Protein backbone atom coordinates (compact mmCIF):
# COMPACT_ATOMS: atom_id res chain seq x y z
CA MET A 1 0.00 0.00 0.00
CA THR A 2 1.34 3.41 -0.96
CA GLY A 3 1.47 5.95 1.85
CA ILE A 4 -0.11 9.39 1.64
CA CYS A 5 3.35 11.07 1.64
CA GLU A 6 5.00 8.86 -0.98
CA GLY A 7 8.05 10.65 -2.37
CA ARG A 8 7.61 13.74 -0.19
CA ILE A 9 10.79 15.22 1.30
CA VAL A 10 10.43 16.23 4.93
CA VAL A 11 12.54 17.98 7.56
CA VAL A 12 11.48 17.33 11.16
CA THR A 13 13.28 19.30 13.88
CA GLY A 14 13.59 17.94 17.39
CA ALA A 15 13.02 14.51 15.85
CA GLY A 16 15.23 12.43 18.12
CA ARG A 17 12.71 11.88 20.90
CA GLY A 18 9.06 12.27 21.86
CA LEU A 19 6.68 13.84 19.39
CA GLY A 20 9.32 14.61 16.77
CA ARG A 21 10.50 11.01 16.72
CA GLU A 22 6.94 9.81 16.13
CA TYR A 23 6.46 12.35 13.34
CA ALA A 24 9.63 11.23 11.58
CA LEU A 25 8.70 7.56 11.85
CA GLU A 26 5.16 8.16 10.59
CA PHE A 27 6.34 10.21 7.63
CA ALA A 28 8.71 7.36 6.73
CA ARG A 29 5.88 4.82 7.02
CA GLN A 30 3.86 7.03 4.68
CA GLY A 31 6.62 6.97 2.07
CA ALA A 32 8.45 10.23 2.78
CA LYS A 33 12.20 10.81 2.80
CA VAL A 34 13.12 12.36 6.12
CA VAL A 35 15.81 14.64 7.52
CA VAL A 36 15.88 13.81 11.23
CA ASN A 37 17.16 16.93 12.98
CA ASP A 38 18.04 16.88 16.66
CA LEU A 39 20.75 18.70 18.59
CA GLY A 40 20.44 16.12 21.36
CA THR A 41 20.20 18.55 24.25
CA SER A 42 18.71 17.96 27.67
CA ASN A 43 15.15 18.99 28.48
CA HIS A 44 16.59 22.36 29.53
CA GLY A 45 18.70 22.84 26.40
CA GLU A 46 22.04 21.70 27.83
CA GLY A 47 24.66 19.52 26.13
CA VAL A 48 24.83 17.91 22.69
CA ASP A 49 24.23 14.29 21.75
CA THR A 50 24.09 12.88 18.21
CA SER A 51 22.65 9.51 19.20
CA PRO A 52 18.91 10.46 19.35
CA ALA A 53 18.88 11.55 15.68
CA ASP A 54 21.08 8.61 14.66
CA ASP A 55 18.80 6.13 16.41
CA VAL A 56 15.70 7.41 14.58
CA VAL A 57 17.51 7.23 11.23
CA THR A 58 18.44 3.64 12.03
CA GLU A 59 14.79 2.83 12.80
CA ILE A 60 13.62 4.38 9.53
CA LYS A 61 16.20 2.52 7.48
CA ALA A 62 15.29 -0.73 9.25
CA MET A 63 11.72 -0.34 7.99
CA GLY A 64 13.01 0.23 4.45
CA GLY A 65 12.74 4.02 4.47
CA GLU A 66 15.16 6.78 3.56
CA ALA A 67 16.52 9.21 6.14
CA ILE A 68 19.57 11.21 7.14
CA ALA A 69 20.53 12.69 10.50
CA SER A 70 21.11 16.38 11.19
CA TYR A 71 22.47 17.76 14.45
CA GLY A 72 22.25 21.50 13.77
CA ASP A 73 20.93 24.27 16.01
CA VAL A 74 17.63 25.38 14.47
CA ALA A 75 17.85 28.87 16.01
CA ASP A 76 21.17 29.65 14.33
CA PHE A 77 20.09 31.19 11.03
CA LYS A 78 23.08 29.95 9.02
CA THR A 79 22.81 26.45 10.48
CA ALA A 80 19.07 26.39 9.75
CA GLY A 81 19.94 27.05 6.12
CA GLN A 82 22.36 24.12 6.18
CA ILE A 83 19.63 21.83 7.51
CA ILE A 84 17.35 22.81 4.64
CA LYS A 85 20.22 22.43 2.18
CA ALA A 86 20.90 18.92 3.48
CA ALA A 87 17.40 17.87 2.39
CA ILE A 88 17.81 19.47 -1.02
CA ASP A 89 21.30 18.07 -1.63
CA THR A 90 20.47 14.56 -0.40
CA PHE A 91 16.95 14.02 -1.67
CA GLY A 92 16.59 16.63 -4.42
CA GLY A 93 14.20 19.10 -2.85
CA LEU A 94 11.95 19.92 0.09
CA ASP A 95 8.21 19.59 0.51
CA VAL A 96 7.52 19.74 4.24
CA LEU A 97 9.04 21.49 7.24
CA VAL A 98 7.91 20.37 10.70
CA ASN A 99 9.10 22.82 13.36
CA ASN A 100 9.11 20.83 16.58
CA ALA A 101 12.44 21.46 18.36
CA GLY A 102 12.41 23.17 21.74
CA PHE A 103 13.10 22.99 25.44
CA VAL A 104 11.80 24.58 28.64
CA ARG A 105 13.19 26.64 31.49
CA ASP A 106 10.16 26.64 33.77
CA ARG A 107 10.07 29.39 36.35
CA MET A 108 7.49 31.74 37.86
CA PHE A 109 7.56 35.03 35.99
CA VAL A 110 9.09 37.11 38.80
CA SER A 111 11.91 34.56 39.14
CA THR A 112 12.69 34.19 35.43
CA SER A 113 16.15 35.44 34.49
CA GLU A 114 16.99 37.27 31.31
CA GLU A 115 19.13 34.31 30.20
CA GLU A 116 16.28 31.85 30.74
CA TRP A 117 13.83 34.06 28.88
CA ASP A 118 16.17 34.57 25.94
CA ALA A 119 17.06 30.89 25.69
CA VAL A 120 13.43 29.73 25.46
CA ILE A 121 12.31 32.48 23.08
CA ARG A 122 15.36 31.76 20.91
CA VAL A 123 14.89 28.04 20.43
CA HIS A 124 11.12 28.14 19.95
CA LEU A 125 10.24 31.43 18.27
CA LYS A 126 13.50 32.25 16.50
CA GLY A 127 13.98 28.58 15.65
CA HIS A 128 10.63 28.55 13.87
CA PHE A 129 11.58 31.74 12.03
CA ALA A 130 15.07 30.61 11.00
CA MET A 131 13.97 27.24 9.65
CA ALA A 132 10.89 28.55 7.83
CA SER A 133 12.72 31.55 6.39
CA ASN A 134 15.35 29.32 4.81
CA ALA A 135 12.73 26.85 3.56
CA CYS A 136 10.65 29.65 2.05
CA ALA A 137 13.67 31.13 0.30
CA TYR A 138 14.10 27.80 -1.48
CA TRP A 139 10.41 27.45 -2.29
CA ARG A 140 10.04 31.01 -3.57
CA ASN A 141 13.05 30.55 -5.82
CA GLU A 142 11.47 27.39 -7.20
CA VAL A 143 8.31 29.32 -8.05
CA LYS A 144 10.33 32.09 -9.69
CA GLN A 145 11.92 29.46 -11.90
CA GLY A 146 8.49 28.33 -13.02
CA ASN A 147 8.23 25.21 -10.86
CA LYS A 148 4.94 24.43 -9.11
CA ILE A 149 5.27 23.56 -5.45
CA ASN A 150 2.90 22.03 -2.92
CA ALA A 151 4.76 22.87 0.27
CA ARG A 152 3.91 22.65 3.94
CA ILE A 153 5.00 24.38 7.14
CA ILE A 154 3.80 22.64 10.29
CA ASN A 155 4.53 24.64 13.43
CA THR A 156 4.30 23.68 17.07
CA SER A 157 2.35 25.90 19.44
CA SER A 158 0.89 24.64 22.70
CA GLY A 159 -2.07 24.92 25.02
CA ALA A 160 0.33 27.04 27.08
CA GLY A 161 0.57 29.40 24.12
CA LEU A 162 -3.19 29.55 23.63
CA GLN A 163 -4.34 29.83 27.26
CA GLY A 164 -1.12 30.49 29.20
CA SER A 165 0.46 28.25 31.83
CA VAL A 166 1.50 29.19 35.35
CA GLY A 167 5.27 28.86 35.76
CA GLN A 168 5.87 28.88 32.01
CA SER A 169 5.79 32.55 31.01
CA SER A 170 8.67 32.34 28.52
CA TYR A 171 7.40 29.11 26.97
CA SER A 172 3.82 30.42 26.80
CA ALA A 173 4.95 33.69 25.20
CA ALA A 174 7.01 31.83 22.60
CA LYS A 175 4.19 29.42 21.78
CA GLY A 176 1.65 32.24 21.56
CA GLY A 177 3.98 34.00 19.13
CA ILE A 178 4.21 30.83 17.04
CA ALA A 179 0.42 30.63 16.80
CA THR A 180 0.17 34.14 15.36
CA LEU A 181 3.24 33.60 13.19
CA THR A 182 1.35 30.69 11.64
CA LEU A 183 -1.59 32.96 10.76
CA VAL A 184 0.72 35.47 9.07
CA GLN A 185 2.58 32.75 7.16
CA ALA A 186 -0.70 31.31 5.90
CA ALA A 187 -1.86 34.73 4.72
CA GLU A 188 1.40 35.63 2.98
CA LEU A 189 2.63 32.33 1.55
CA GLY A 190 -0.44 30.83 -0.07
CA ARG A 191 0.33 32.53 -3.39
CA TYR A 192 3.51 30.46 -3.63
CA GLY A 193 1.77 27.16 -2.95
CA ILE A 194 2.82 27.00 0.70
CA THR A 195 0.41 26.25 3.54
CA SER A 196 1.12 26.89 7.22
CA ASN A 197 -0.65 25.24 10.12
CA ALA A 198 0.21 24.72 13.77
CA LEU A 199 -0.28 22.06 16.40
CA ALA A 200 -1.13 22.37 20.06
CA PRO A 201 -0.45 18.74 20.98
CA ALA A 202 -0.99 17.09 24.35
CA ALA A 203 1.18 14.01 24.79
CA ARG A 204 3.75 12.38 27.05
CA THR A 205 7.13 13.96 26.36
CA ARG A 206 10.16 14.97 28.41
CA MET A 207 8.62 18.43 28.82
CA THR A 208 5.14 17.35 29.93
CA GLU A 209 6.34 14.51 32.17
CA GLU A 210 8.39 17.00 34.15
CA VAL A 211 5.44 19.32 34.79
CA PHE A 212 2.38 17.03 34.59
CA ALA A 213 3.80 13.64 35.61
CA ASP A 214 0.58 12.24 37.10
CA ASP A 215 -1.63 13.37 34.23
CA MET A 216 0.77 11.96 31.63
CA ALA A 217 1.37 8.56 33.25
CA LYS A 218 0.94 5.53 31.01
CA PRO A 219 -2.14 3.48 31.93
CA ASP A 220 -1.77 -0.13 32.99
CA GLU A 221 -4.17 -1.17 30.23
CA GLY A 222 -6.42 0.23 27.52
CA PHE A 223 -5.88 3.14 25.16
CA ASP A 224 -2.92 5.33 26.06
CA GLU A 225 -4.26 8.76 25.12
CA ASN A 226 -0.95 10.42 26.02
CA ASP A 227 1.16 8.33 23.65
CA PRO A 228 2.95 10.83 21.36
CA ALA A 229 2.37 8.47 18.44
CA ASN A 230 -1.30 9.52 18.54
CA VAL A 231 -0.39 12.98 17.21
CA ALA A 232 1.63 11.72 14.25
CA PRO A 233 -1.25 10.79 11.87
CA LEU A 234 -2.51 14.39 11.80
CA VAL A 235 1.02 15.66 11.17
CA ALA A 236 1.55 13.21 8.31
CA TRP A 237 -1.78 14.23 6.76
CA LEU A 238 -0.94 17.93 7.08
CA GLY A 239 2.34 17.19 5.30
CA SER A 240 0.64 15.35 2.45
CA GLU A 241 -0.74 16.81 -0.76
CA GLN A 242 -4.23 15.99 0.54
CA SER A 243 -4.12 19.00 2.89
CA GLU A 244 -3.52 21.69 0.26
CA ASP A 245 -6.81 23.48 1.06
CA VAL A 246 -6.07 23.74 4.80
CA SER A 247 -3.97 26.67 6.01
CA GLY A 248 -3.89 29.07 8.94
CA CYS A 249 -5.31 26.53 11.38
CA ILE A 250 -4.15 25.68 14.90
CA PHE A 251 -5.09 22.11 15.75
CA GLU A 252 -5.43 20.81 19.29
CA VAL A 253 -4.81 17.08 19.38
CA LYS A 254 -4.69 14.46 22.10
CA GLY A 255 -5.30 10.73 21.96
CA GLY A 256 -8.08 10.19 19.45
CA MET A 257 -9.23 13.83 19.50
CA ILE A 258 -8.56 16.39 16.78
CA GLY A 259 -9.92 19.86 17.48
CA LEU A 260 -9.63 23.30 15.93
CA ALA A 261 -8.54 26.09 18.27
CA ASP A 262 -10.79 29.13 18.08
CA GLY A 263 -8.40 32.06 18.46
CA TYR A 264 -8.93 35.68 19.36
CA ARG A 265 -12.01 37.10 17.68
CA MET A 266 -13.83 40.41 18.12
CA GLY A 267 -16.31 39.72 20.91
CA ALA A 268 -18.86 41.81 22.76
CA LEU A 269 -18.48 45.56 22.31
CA VAL A 270 -19.94 48.94 23.13
CA ASP A 271 -19.60 51.82 20.67
CA ILE A 272 -20.87 55.29 21.63
CA GLY A 273 -19.66 56.91 18.44
CA ALA A 274 -17.60 59.48 20.33
CA ARG A 275 -14.65 59.78 22.69
CA TRP A 276 -15.15 58.15 26.08
CA ASP A 277 -15.07 59.95 29.39
CA PRO A 278 -12.65 57.90 31.55
CA ALA A 279 -15.23 57.77 34.34
CA ASP A 280 -17.65 55.92 32.04
CA VAL A 281 -15.19 53.27 30.82
CA GLY A 282 -15.57 50.98 33.84
CA GLY A 283 -19.28 50.47 33.30
CA ALA A 284 -18.75 49.70 29.62
CA VAL A 285 -16.01 47.18 30.37
CA ALA A 286 -18.17 45.46 32.98
CA LYS A 287 -21.00 45.20 30.45
CA ILE A 288 -18.93 43.61 27.68
CA ILE A 289 -17.18 41.21 30.07
CA ALA A 290 -20.59 40.08 31.32
CA GLU A 291 -21.73 39.42 27.75
CA GLN A 292 -18.62 37.41 26.79
CA PRO A 293 -18.41 33.62 27.22
CA ALA A 294 -16.12 32.69 30.11
CA PRO A 295 -12.54 32.27 28.88
CA GLN A 296 -10.66 29.00 29.20
CA LYS A 297 -8.61 28.92 32.36
CA THR A 298 -4.89 29.41 32.38
CA TYR A 299 -3.14 26.07 32.98
CA GLY A 300 -2.24 25.73 36.63
CA THR A 301 -5.11 27.85 37.97
């Protein structure tokens, strides 16, 4: 049986463990050629280890697939370009970029250092920018040369980015930025044949086990809704040609559930058609808050 990504060329960042590993394996099962990128750092972004990426490449080759390992830092712009170039030089092009790499430095906001803030924003938000910018430069050049492309960017946001998460201000800010970055990419890149969508996955990974160990524990029997492999089918479909009409969406996914996040929209309002007196603003704000549906709670509250 031919997979839905047969012949597609895919880069998956942070693909050595957890969700990224499952994405890389599923793309390979669906017939894609995969660049398995992973710097091999700790959960807090420390150290370097080539074995996670190498191990996934070995698994893919064992199942008869094609893959190469990449150990580059996704947030270094020049290195990001080299990761993209590795796909092009090895497999002859690029069809899909899955931005998944990241780490956490959890801390209450008032205790977060500048270094911790910068490190998290860099790997998540700048990493998404650096990888996608280099991929888009290649795709746009292909279009300019008269070649038709059917390209995909799949970003990784989070429930923390959509609702916030106590003790994760830097991570939440980065993931919120990625959600809106996805909307802008979808609006700007469609004319080239590029779609952009994002995931807010809930699964058992090094990050979630550290913060939500009890909630993420593997059950003794039955369906394991926190298995990261559950997220991979949606990612593979988004990377396929079948998803060409879907762009600018943020999908929440856990276990057997696929949902569409409903982002900021204009809600209840009051318009007096003139400038407000500051003394009257409080009553207007109370009125529109009362008319709005209750927001989802911030994680940890």
